[in-house]
C-alpha atoms as a PDB file:
ATOM      1  CA  MET A   1     -33.045  74.840 -61.953  1.00  0.00           C
ATOM      2  CA  GLY A   2     -32.941  74.651 -65.680  1.00  0.00           C
ATOM      3  CA  LEU A   3     -35.255  76.018 -68.242  1.00  0.00           C
ATOM      4  CA  ARG A   4     -36.279  72.857 -69.409  1.00  0.00           C
ATOM      5  CA  PHE A   5     -36.813  71.483 -66.091  1.00  0.00           C
ATOM      6  CA  LYS A   6     -39.180  74.273 -64.934  1.00  0.00           C
ATOM      7  CA  TYR A   7     -40.790  73.823 -68.862  1.00  0.00           C
ATOM      8  CA  ASN A   8     -41.592  69.779 -68.525  1.00  0.00           C
ATOM      9  CA  ILE A   9     -42.911  70.232 -64.361  1.00  0.00           C
ATOM     10  CA  VAL A  10     -45.197  73.006 -65.552  1.00  0.00           C
ATOM     11  CA  LEU A  11     -46.249  70.873 -68.816  1.00  0.00           C
ATOM     12  CA  VAL A  12     -46.716  67.593 -66.824  1.00  0.00           C
ATOM     13  CA  LEU A  13     -48.693  69.388 -63.935  1.00  0.00           C
ATOM     14  CA  ALA A  14     -51.123  70.844 -66.560  1.00  0.00           C
ATOM     15  CA  CYS A  15     -51.562  67.611 -68.519  1.00  0.00           C
ATOM     16  CA  VAL A  16     -51.849  65.574 -65.229  1.00  0.00           C
ATOM     17  CA  LEU A  17     -54.647  67.791 -64.246  1.00  0.00           C
ATOM     18  CA  GLY A  18     -56.181  67.697 -67.569  1.00  0.00           C
ATOM     19  CA  ILE A  19     -55.867  63.880 -67.707  1.00  0.00           C
ATOM     20  CA  VAL A  20     -57.651  63.820 -64.234  1.00  0.00           C
ATOM     21  CA  ALA A  21     -60.034  66.173 -65.020  1.00  0.00           C
ATOM     22  CA  ALA A  22     -60.768  64.287 -68.449  1.00  0.00           C
ATOM     23  CA  THR A  23     -60.644  61.415 -67.263  1.00  0.00           C
ATOM     24  CA  GLY A  24     -63.512  61.886 -64.588  1.00  0.00           C
ATOM     25  CA  MET A  25     -65.797  63.590 -66.736  1.00  0.00           C
ATOM     26  CA  SER A  26     -65.717  61.125 -69.360  1.00  0.00           C
ATOM     27  CA  TYR A  27     -66.114  58.160 -66.835  1.00  0.00           C
ATOM     28  CA  TRP A  28     -69.788  60.081 -65.566  1.00  0.00           C
ATOM     29  CA  ILE A  29     -70.479  60.676 -69.247  1.00  0.00           C
ATOM     30  CA  VAL A  30     -69.715  57.199 -70.268  1.00  0.00           C
ATOM     31  CA  GLN A  31     -71.185  55.552 -67.287  1.00  0.00           C
ATOM     32  CA  GLU A  32     -74.610  57.649 -68.507  1.00  0.00           C
ATOM     33  CA  SER A  33     -74.133  55.902 -72.055  1.00  0.00           C
ATOM     34  CA  ALA A  34     -73.383  52.253 -70.501  1.00  0.00           C
ATOM     35  CA  VAL A  35     -76.891  52.523 -68.421  1.00  0.00           C
ATOM     36  CA  GLN A  36     -78.509  53.577 -71.564  1.00  0.00           C
ATOM     37  CA  ASP A  37     -77.090  50.559 -73.702  1.00  0.00           C
ATOM     38  CA  VAL A  38     -77.600  48.233 -70.890  1.00  0.00           C
ATOM     39  CA  GLU A  39     -81.453  49.495 -71.344  1.00  0.00           C
ATOM     40  CA  ARG A  40     -81.355  48.796 -74.836  1.00  0.00           C
ATOM     41  CA  GLU A  41     -80.264  45.195 -73.985  1.00  0.00           C
ATOM     42  CA  ILE A  42     -83.012  44.930 -71.562  1.00  0.00           C
ATOM     43  CA  ASN A  43     -85.816  46.292 -73.922  1.00  0.00           C
ATOM     44  CA  LEU A  44     -84.385  43.551 -76.865  1.00  0.00           C
ATOM     45  CA  LEU A  45     -84.708  40.890 -73.918  1.00  0.00           C
ATOM     46  CA  ARG A  46     -88.358  42.073 -73.111  1.00  0.00           C
ATOM     47  CA  ALA A  47     -88.983  41.852 -76.957  1.00  0.00           C
ATOM     48  CA  ASN A  48     -88.142  38.501 -77.262  1.00  0.00           C
ATOM     49  CA  ALA A  49     -90.518  37.575 -73.963  1.00  0.00           C
ATOM     50  CA  THR A  50     -93.299  39.242 -75.708  1.00  0.00           C
ATOM     51  CA  ALA A  51     -92.532  37.510 -78.735  1.00  0.00           C
ATOM     52  CA  VAL A  52     -92.481  34.259 -76.771  1.00  0.00           C
ATOM     53  CA  ARG A  53     -95.786  35.111 -74.758  1.00  0.00           C
ATOM     54  CA  SER A  54     -97.460  35.967 -78.508  1.00  0.00           C
ATOM     55  CA  TYR A  55     -96.267  32.840 -80.142  1.00  0.00           C
ATOM     56  CA  THR A  56     -97.384  30.679 -76.934  1.00  0.00           C
ATOM     57  CA  LEU A  57    -101.052  32.225 -76.792  1.00  0.00           C
ATOM     58  CA  ASN A  58    -101.375  32.263 -80.804  1.00  0.00           C
ATOM     59  CA  SER A  59     -99.901  28.790 -81.566  1.00  0.00           C
ATOM     60  CA  ILE A  60     -99.434  26.764 -78.523  1.00  0.00           C
ATOM     61  CA  ASP A  61    -102.402  27.353 -76.591  1.00  0.00           C
ATOM     62  CA  PRO A  62    -104.882  26.514 -79.775  1.00  0.00           C
ATOM     63  CA  LEU A  63    -102.951  23.026 -79.781  1.00  0.00           C
ATOM     64  CA  LEU A  64    -102.965  22.284 -76.103  1.00  0.00           C
ATOM     65  CA  SER A  65    -106.239  23.574 -74.935  1.00  0.00           C
ATOM     66  CA  ASP A  66    -108.184  20.559 -75.467  1.00  0.00           C
ATOM     67  CA  ASP A  67    -106.387  18.552 -72.688  1.00  0.00           C
ATOM     68  CA  ASN A  68    -106.817  21.369 -70.220  1.00  0.00           C
ATOM     69  CA  ASP A  69    -110.479  19.597 -68.824  1.00  0.00           C
ATOM     70  CA  ILE A  70    -108.444  16.563 -67.668  1.00  0.00           C
ATOM     71  CA  LEU A  71    -104.920  17.833 -67.274  1.00  0.00           C
ATOM     72  CA  PHE A  72    -103.405  21.334 -66.674  1.00  0.00           C
ATOM     73  CA  LEU A  73    -100.244  21.964 -69.201  1.00  0.00           C
ATOM     74  CA  PRO A  74     -98.052  25.091 -68.120  1.00  0.00           C
ATOM     75  CA  GLU A  75     -96.755  24.952 -71.421  1.00  0.00           C
ATOM     76  CA  THR A  76     -99.916  26.867 -72.102  1.00  0.00           C
ATOM     77  CA  ILE A  77     -99.501  29.631 -70.415  1.00  0.00           C
ATOM     78  CA  THR A  78     -97.702  32.617 -71.728  1.00  0.00           C
ATOM     79  CA  SER A  79     -95.955  33.677 -68.646  1.00  0.00           C
ATOM     80  CA  TYR A  80     -94.407  30.277 -67.903  1.00  0.00           C
ATOM     81  CA  ALA A  81     -93.050  29.771 -71.541  1.00  0.00           C
ATOM     82  CA  ALA A  82     -91.245  33.288 -71.449  1.00  0.00           C
ATOM     83  CA  ARG A  83     -89.606  32.397 -68.148  1.00  0.00           C
ATOM     84  CA  THR A  84     -88.806  28.872 -69.594  1.00  0.00           C
ATOM     85  CA  VAL A  85     -86.951  30.479 -72.668  1.00  0.00           C
ATOM     86  CA  PHE A  86     -85.649  33.091 -70.686  1.00  0.00           C
ATOM     87  CA  SER A  87     -83.905  30.516 -68.075  1.00  0.00           C
ATOM     88  CA  ILE A  88     -82.340  29.147 -70.741  1.00  0.00           C
ATOM     89  CA  PHE A  89     -80.907  32.435 -71.882  1.00  0.00           C
ATOM     90  CA  ARG A  90     -79.840  32.819 -68.552  1.00  0.00           C
ATOM     91  CA  GLN A  91     -77.352  29.895 -68.708  1.00  0.00           C
ATOM     92  CA  GLN A  92     -75.089  31.989 -71.001  1.00  0.00           C
ATOM     93  CA  PHE A  93     -75.959  34.874 -69.357  1.00  0.00           C
ATOM     94  CA  PRO A  94     -76.564  34.536 -65.752  1.00  0.00           C
ATOM     95  CA  GLN A  95     -76.219  38.235 -64.957  1.00  0.00           C
ATOM     96  CA  TYR A  96     -80.018  39.191 -66.412  1.00  0.00           C
ATOM     97  CA  SER A  97     -82.943  38.055 -64.360  1.00  0.00           C
ATOM     98  CA  TYR A  98     -86.562  38.370 -65.576  1.00  0.00           C
ATOM     99  CA  LYS A  99     -90.100  38.025 -63.742  1.00  0.00           C
ATOM    100  CA  GLU A 100     -93.428  38.723 -64.428  1.00  0.00           C
ATOM    101  CA  ALA A 101     -95.074  40.028 -61.570  1.00  0.00           C
ATOM    102  CA  ALA A 102     -98.922  40.344 -61.088  1.00  0.00           C
ATOM    103  CA  LEU A 103    -101.164  42.219 -58.459  1.00  0.00           C
ATOM    104  CA  ASN A 104    -103.533  38.974 -58.673  1.00  0.00           C
ATOM    105  CA  PRO A 105    -101.678  36.022 -59.689  1.00  0.00           C
ATOM    106  CA  THR A 106    -102.717  32.262 -60.413  1.00  0.00           C
ATOM    107  CA  ASN A 107     -99.359  31.217 -59.519  1.00  0.00           C
ATOM    108  CA  PRO A 108     -98.126  32.882 -55.794  1.00  0.00           C
ATOM    109  CA  ALA A 109     -94.762  32.714 -56.833  1.00  0.00           C
ATOM    110  CA  ASP A 110     -95.610  35.481 -59.251  1.00  0.00           C
ATOM    111  CA  LEU A 111     -96.586  37.900 -56.304  1.00  0.00           C
ATOM    112  CA  PRO A 112     -94.882  41.229 -56.507  1.00  0.00           C
ATOM    113  CA  ASN A 113     -92.531  42.390 -53.629  1.00  0.00           C
ATOM    114  CA  GLU A 114     -92.915  46.287 -52.610  1.00  0.00           C
ATOM    115  CA  LEU A 115     -90.670  47.781 -55.418  1.00  0.00           C
ATOM    116  CA  GLU A 116     -92.574  45.656 -58.154  1.00  0.00           C
ATOM    117  CA  THR A 117     -96.211  46.517 -56.589  1.00  0.00           C
ATOM    118  CA  SER A 118     -95.037  50.418 -56.784  1.00  0.00           C
ATOM    119  CA  LEU A 119     -94.361  49.866 -60.230  1.00  0.00           C
ATOM    120  CA  ILE A 120     -97.236  48.168 -61.356  1.00  0.00           C
ATOM    121  CA  GLU A 121     -99.341  50.702 -59.703  1.00  0.00           C
ATOM    122  CA  GLN A 122     -97.734  53.648 -61.464  1.00  0.00           C
ATOM    123  CA  PHE A 123     -98.408  51.852 -64.753  1.00  0.00           C
ATOM    124  CA  ARG A 124    -102.000  51.337 -63.503  1.00  0.00           C
ATOM    125  CA  ALA A 125    -102.295  54.711 -62.918  1.00  0.00           C
ATOM    126  CA  ASP A 126    -100.812  56.227 -66.094  1.00  0.00           C
ATOM    127  CA  PRO A 127    -101.398  53.955 -68.908  1.00  0.00           C
ATOM    128  CA  ALA A 128     -99.109  56.159 -70.881  1.00  0.00           C
ATOM    129  CA  LEU A 129     -96.382  54.930 -69.263  1.00  0.00           C
ATOM    130  CA  ASP A 130     -94.441  52.117 -71.164  1.00  0.00           C
ATOM    131  CA  GLN A 131     -91.409  51.732 -69.059  1.00  0.00           C
ATOM    132  CA  LEU A 132     -90.055  52.543 -65.748  1.00  0.00           C
ATOM    133  CA  SER A 133     -86.405  52.234 -64.604  1.00  0.00           C
ATOM    134  CA  ALA A 134     -85.151  52.328 -60.968  1.00  0.00           C
ATOM    135  CA  ILE A 135     -81.726  51.159 -59.445  1.00  0.00           C
ATOM    136  CA  VAL A 136     -82.335  48.683 -56.820  1.00  0.00           C
ATOM    137  CA  GLU A 137     -79.313  47.578 -53.920  1.00  0.00           C
ATOM    138  CA  ASP A 138     -80.063  44.035 -52.769  1.00  0.00           C
ATOM    139  CA  ASN A 139     -77.450  42.330 -50.717  1.00  0.00           C
ATOM    140  CA  GLY A 140     -74.963  44.941 -50.879  1.00  0.00           C
ATOM    141  CA  GLU A 141     -75.228  44.906 -54.793  1.00  0.00           C
ATOM    142  CA  ARG A 142     -76.970  47.136 -57.063  1.00  0.00           C
ATOM    143  CA  PHE A 143     -79.483  46.291 -59.890  1.00  0.00           C
ATOM    144  CA  LEU A 144     -80.728  48.468 -62.609  1.00  0.00           C
ATOM    145  CA  THR A 145     -84.097  47.276 -62.772  1.00  0.00           C
ATOM    146  CA  VAL A 146     -86.450  47.858 -65.687  1.00  0.00           C
ATOM    147  CA  ALA A 147     -90.304  47.275 -65.737  1.00  0.00           C
ATOM    148  CA  PHE A 148     -92.798  46.969 -68.879  1.00  0.00           C
ATOM    149  CA  PRO A 149     -96.604  46.997 -68.132  1.00  0.00           C
ATOM    150  CA  VAL A 150     -98.420  43.586 -68.715  1.00  0.00           C
ATOM    151  CA  THR A 151    -101.623  44.622 -69.916  1.00  0.00           C
ATOM    152  CA  ILE A 152    -104.323  42.235 -71.426  1.00  0.00           C
ATOM    153  CA  ASN A 153    -104.707  43.243 -75.184  1.00  0.00           C
ATOM    154  CA  GLN A 154    -105.874  39.870 -76.341  1.00  0.00           C
ATOM    155  CA  PRO A 155    -109.222  38.284 -75.343  1.00  0.00           C
ATOM    156  CA  GLY A 156    -107.284  34.909 -75.178  1.00  0.00           C
ATOM    157  CA  CYS A 157    -106.009  35.652 -71.966  1.00  0.00           C
ATOM    158  CA  LEU A 158    -109.424  35.963 -70.543  1.00  0.00           C
ATOM    159  CA  ARG A 159    -110.104  32.259 -70.914  1.00  0.00           C
ATOM    160  CA  CYS A 160    -107.964  31.340 -68.082  1.00  0.00           C
ATOM    161  CA  HIS A 161    -107.955  34.824 -66.102  1.00  0.00           C
ATOM    162  CA  GLY A 162    -111.542  35.786 -66.656  1.00  0.00           C
ATOM    163  CA  ASN A 163    -114.554  33.892 -65.189  1.00  0.00           C
ATOM    164  CA  PRO A 164    -113.445  31.241 -62.780  1.00  0.00           C
ATOM    165  CA  GLU A 165    -116.438  29.346 -64.118  1.00  0.00           C
ATOM    166  CA  PHE A 166    -115.151  29.410 -67.832  1.00  0.00           C
ATOM    167  CA  ALA A 167    -111.464  28.288 -66.765  1.00  0.00           C
ATOM    168  CA  PRO A 168    -109.796  25.113 -67.848  1.00  0.00           C
ATOM    169  CA  PRO A 169    -110.859  23.033 -64.868  1.00  0.00           C
ATOM    170  CA  ALA A 170    -107.521  21.533 -64.197  1.00  0.00           C
ATOM    171  CA  MET A 171    -106.237  24.364 -63.878  1.00  0.00           C
ATOM    172  CA  VAL A 172    -108.801  25.358 -61.054  1.00  0.00           C
ATOM    173  CA  ASP A 173    -108.331  22.239 -59.491  1.00  0.00           C
ATOM    174  CA  LEU A 174    -104.427  23.070 -59.238  1.00  0.00           C
ATOM    175  CA  TYR A 175    -104.820  26.873 -58.397  1.00  0.00           C
ATOM    176  CA  GLY A 176    -108.114  27.205 -56.862  1.00  0.00           C
ATOM    177  CA  SER A 177    -110.560  29.663 -57.967  1.00  0.00           C
ATOM    178  CA  GLU A 178    -109.627  32.551 -55.676  1.00  0.00           C
ATOM    179  CA  ASN A 179    -106.315  34.047 -57.280  1.00  0.00           C
ATOM    180  CA  GLY A 180    -105.577  35.137 -60.898  1.00  0.00           C
ATOM    181  CA  PHE A 181    -109.422  35.642 -61.669  1.00  0.00           C
ATOM    182  CA  GLY A 182    -111.580  39.066 -62.582  1.00  0.00           C
ATOM    183  CA  TRP A 183    -108.788  40.455 -65.107  1.00  0.00           C
ATOM    184  CA  GLU A 184    -110.344  42.542 -67.814  1.00  0.00           C
ATOM    185  CA  LEU A 185    -109.431  43.702 -71.318  1.00  0.00           C
ATOM    186  CA  GLY A 186    -107.399  46.364 -71.639  1.00  0.00           C
ATOM    187  CA  GLU A 187    -106.569  46.193 -67.923  1.00  0.00           C
ATOM    188  CA  THR A 188    -102.856  46.216 -66.583  1.00  0.00           C
ATOM    189  CA  VAL A 189    -102.320  43.403 -64.485  1.00  0.00           C
ATOM    190  CA  GLY A 190     -98.977  43.252 -64.001  1.00  0.00           C
ATOM    191  CA  ALA A 191     -95.335  43.961 -65.128  1.00  0.00           C
ATOM    192  CA  GLN A 192     -92.295  42.233 -66.954  1.00  0.00           C
ATOM    193  CA  ILE A 193     -89.518  43.052 -64.679  1.00  0.00           C
ATOM    194  CA  ILE A 194     -85.927  42.453 -65.939  1.00  0.00           C
ATOM    195  CA  SER A 195     -82.819  43.250 -64.207  1.00  0.00           C
ATOM    196  CA  ALA A 196     -79.264  43.480 -64.795  1.00  0.00           C
ATOM    197  CA  PRO A 197     -76.222  43.963 -62.025  1.00  0.00           C
ATOM    198  CA  MET A 198     -75.017  47.464 -61.954  1.00  0.00           C
ATOM    199  CA  SER A 199     -71.418  46.243 -62.144  1.00  0.00           C
ATOM    200  CA  LEU A 200     -72.226  45.513 -65.845  1.00  0.00           C
ATOM    201  CA  VAL A 201     -72.500  49.636 -66.619  1.00  0.00           C
ATOM    202  CA  ASP A 202     -69.335  50.002 -64.163  1.00  0.00           C
ATOM    203  CA  GLU A 203     -67.479  47.462 -65.857  1.00  0.00           C
ATOM    204  CA  ARG A 204     -68.212  49.627 -69.320  1.00  0.00           C
ATOM    205  CA  ALA A 205     -67.783  52.738 -68.115  1.00  0.00           C
ATOM    206  CA  GLN A 206     -64.138  51.570 -66.441  1.00  0.00           C
ATOM    207  CA  GLU A 207     -63.356  50.179 -69.493  1.00  0.00           C
ATOM    208  CA  THR A 208     -64.087  52.903 -71.796  1.00  0.00           C
ATOM    209  CA  SER A 209     -62.097  55.636 -69.301  1.00  0.00           C
ATOM    210  CA  ILE A 210     -59.020  53.255 -69.260  1.00  0.00           C
ATOM    211  CA  ILE A 211     -58.948  53.321 -73.141  1.00  0.00           C
ATOM    212  CA  LEU A 212     -59.775  57.586 -73.029  1.00  0.00           C
ATOM    213  CA  SER A 213     -57.030  57.833 -70.465  1.00  0.00           C
ATOM    214  CA  SER A 214     -54.438  55.742 -72.337  1.00  0.00           C
ATOM    215  CA  ALA A 215     -55.113  57.670 -75.010  1.00  0.00           C
ATOM    216  CA  LEU A 216     -54.452  61.017 -73.417  1.00  0.00           C
ATOM    217  CA  VAL A 217     -51.552  59.647 -71.727  1.00  0.00           C
ATOM    218  CA  ALA A 218     -50.120  58.583 -75.324  1.00  0.00           C
ATOM    219  CA  ALA A 219     -50.715  62.127 -76.740  1.00  0.00           C
ATOM    220  CA  PHE A 220     -49.321  63.913 -73.729  1.00  0.00           C
ATOM    221  CA  ILE A 221     -46.296  61.879 -74.180  1.00  0.00           C
ATOM    222  CA  ILE A 222     -46.180  62.946 -78.146  1.00  0.00           C
ATOM    223  CA  VAL A 223     -46.844  66.395 -76.949  1.00  0.00           C
ATOM    224  CA  LEU A 224     -44.083  66.221 -74.441  1.00  0.00           C
ATOM    225  CA  ILE A 225     -41.201  64.821 -76.649  1.00  0.00           C
ATOM    226  CA  ALA A 226     -42.208  67.129 -79.593  1.00  0.00           C
ATOM    227  CA  THR A 227     -42.352  70.660 -77.450  1.00  0.00           C
ATOM    228  CA  ASN A 228     -39.027  69.488 -76.014  1.00  0.00           C
ATOM    229  CA  ILE A 229     -37.270  68.729 -79.233  1.00  0.00           C
ATOM    230  CA  MET A 230     -38.813  72.425 -80.602  1.00  0.00           C
ATOM    231  CA  LEU A 231     -37.822  73.996 -77.146  1.00  0.00           C
ATOM    232  CA  SER A 232     -34.174  72.627 -77.657  1.00  0.00           C
ATOM    233  CA  ARG A 233     -33.723  73.700 -81.278  1.00  0.00           C
ATOM    234  CA  ILE A 234     -35.738  76.857 -81.349  1.00  0.00           C
ATOM    235  CA  VAL A 235     -35.095  78.342 -77.798  1.00  0.00           C
ATOM    236  CA  LEU A 236     -32.018  76.631 -75.491  1.00  0.00           C
ATOM    237  CA  ARG A 237     -29.653  75.826 -78.102  1.00  0.00           C
ATOM    238  CA  PRO A 238     -29.295  79.224 -79.231  1.00  0.00           C
ATOM    239  CA  VAL A 239     -29.401  80.330 -75.804  1.00  0.00           C
ATOM    240  CA  ALA A 240     -27.088  78.696 -74.740  1.00  0.00           C
ATOM    241  CA  ARG A 241     -24.682  79.272 -77.699  1.00  0.00           C
ATOM    242  CA  MET A 242     -25.191  83.059 -77.173  1.00  0.00           C
ATOM    243  CA  SER A 243     -24.301  82.666 -73.595  1.00  0.00           C
ATOM    244  CA  GLN A 244     -21.063  81.066 -74.175  1.00  0.00           C
ATOM    245  CA  VAL A 245     -20.235  83.672 -76.543  1.00  0.00           C
ATOM    246  CA  ALA A 246     -21.349  86.622 -73.913  1.00  0.00           C
ATOM    247  CA  GLU A 247     -18.847  84.557 -71.158  1.00  0.00           C
ATOM    248  CA  GLN A 248     -16.324  85.099 -73.573  1.00  0.00           C
ATOM    249  CA  VAL A 249     -16.489  88.256 -74.638  1.00  0.00           C
ATOM    250  CA  SER A 250     -17.246  89.083 -70.755  1.00  0.00           C
ATOM    251  CA  LEU A 251     -13.611  87.778 -70.432  1.00  0.00           C
ATOM    252  CA  GLY A 252     -12.259  90.298 -72.778  1.00  0.00           C
ATOM    253  CA  ASP A 253     -11.942  87.270 -75.619  1.00  0.00           C
ATOM    254  CA  PHE A 254     -13.173  88.870 -78.594  1.00  0.00           C
ATOM    255  CA  SER A 255     -11.988  85.955 -81.054  1.00  0.00           C
ATOM    256  CA  ILE A 256     -14.975  83.915 -80.619  1.00  0.00           C
ATOM    257  CA  PRO A 257     -17.173  83.945 -83.229  1.00  0.00           C
ATOM    258  CA  GLU A 258     -20.408  85.955 -83.529  1.00  0.00           C
ATOM    259  CA  TYR A 259     -23.492  84.003 -83.082  1.00  0.00           C
ATOM    260  CA  ALA A 260     -26.386  84.935 -85.441  1.00  0.00           C
ATOM    261  CA  LYS A 261     -29.649  82.354 -84.970  1.00  0.00           C
ATOM    262  CA  PRO A 262     -31.135  82.609 -88.738  1.00  0.00           C
ATOM    263  CA  GLY A 263     -34.880  83.263 -88.836  1.00  0.00           C
ATOM    264  CA  ARG A 264     -37.155  86.083 -87.628  1.00  0.00           C
ATOM    265  CA  ASP A 265     -38.385  85.207 -84.475  1.00  0.00           C
ATOM    266  CA  GLU A 266     -37.764  86.465 -81.066  1.00  0.00           C
ATOM    267  CA  ILE A 267     -34.283  84.792 -80.344  1.00  0.00           C
ATOM    268  CA  SER A 268     -33.049  85.792 -83.885  1.00  0.00           C
ATOM    269  CA  SER A 269     -33.714  89.078 -83.207  1.00  0.00           C
ATOM    270  CA  LEU A 270     -32.021  88.733 -79.508  1.00  0.00           C
ATOM    271  CA  SER A 271     -29.088  87.253 -81.253  1.00  0.00           C
ATOM    272  CA  LYS A 272     -28.513  90.226 -83.733  1.00  0.00           C
ATOM    273  CA  SER A 273     -29.171  92.511 -81.116  1.00  0.00           C
ATOM    274  CA  PHE A 274     -26.398  90.653 -79.006  1.00  0.00           C
ATOM    275  CA  ASN A 275     -23.871  90.986 -81.713  1.00  0.00           C
ATOM    276  CA  ARG A 276     -24.804  94.671 -82.065  1.00  0.00           C
ATOM    277  CA  MET A 277     -23.785  95.062 -78.634  1.00  0.00           C
ATOM    278  CA  ARG A 278     -20.668  92.850 -78.782  1.00  0.00           C
ATOM    279  CA  ARG A 279     -19.121  94.752 -81.734  1.00  0.00           C
ATOM    280  CA  SER A 280     -20.393  98.167 -79.876  1.00  0.00           C
ATOM    281  CA  LEU A 281     -18.406  96.678 -76.888  1.00  0.00           C
ATOM    282  CA  GLU A 282     -15.566  95.783 -78.962  1.00  0.00           C
ATOM    283  CA  SER A 283     -15.038  99.061 -80.318  1.00  0.00           C
ATOM    284  CA  ALA A 284     -15.409 100.929 -77.297  1.00  0.00           C
ATOM    285  CA  MET A 285     -12.588  98.817 -75.836  1.00  0.00           C
ATOM    286  CA  LYS A 286     -10.241  99.480 -78.683  1.00  0.00           C
ATOM    287  CA  MET A 287     -10.555 103.293 -78.063  1.00  0.00           C
ATOM    288  CA  ILE A 288      -9.683 102.830 -74.470  1.00  0.00           C
ATOM    289  CA  ASP A 289      -6.434 101.123 -75.327  1.00  0.00           C
ATOM    290  CA  GLU A 290      -5.601 103.263 -78.049  1.00  0.00           C
END
């Protein structure tokens, strides 16, 4: 087993262990970063939904409110407008989902499930909370779910959700007077809940890890080639040359020229010492012959 082979075996094992360790650590770090990236995207989607709600309440509702006495128009409802816009968005990005859940909604479809109820109750218990995140498993798939509180900050919302006696008659006829009323200004009544599959996070983490691993492998190959060239020029060739000279001298052939490696490194020093030893041996052999 040659010196080059031993060197390459040690170098390859060290690099493989380093690449595996670096890839594993980077995957965890990149996954955390990918989660933050998806959360930022969810925050952008929430900002868009909030803008739609505000536009509907302040611009659309005043234009259509006069017709609510005889015909209820869902376009005047902020949550309906936000869901409708989001459903159009989902045509291109179906992996995201959006829901506005409320503890006492007008529409029973907006009732929260157990997790959503827990999130809403946390917002109600701590008004300082502005966002909650959770990883939820559904049908064997994991989802990153981010919730934002829905708090009644604008008096216009109470026109439909305050006292049922003052609500649009058409809406009361459609949904009844039992649900979706009694809300108060400043009260947190529900949550905007946006979910994205964790597969998005895993895909981004895997892509980044593959890029990093490829870069490390490329760097390792460059190091392997460079160090082998240096090993050959600085160590292996001089040692092989000195070994050849030593073999000839050991057989009594002193006609082979001396080999002196230029430089000041250890191999150069060894070649000089070997030449001195050779000359001493040659002198000793001549004295014996005489």
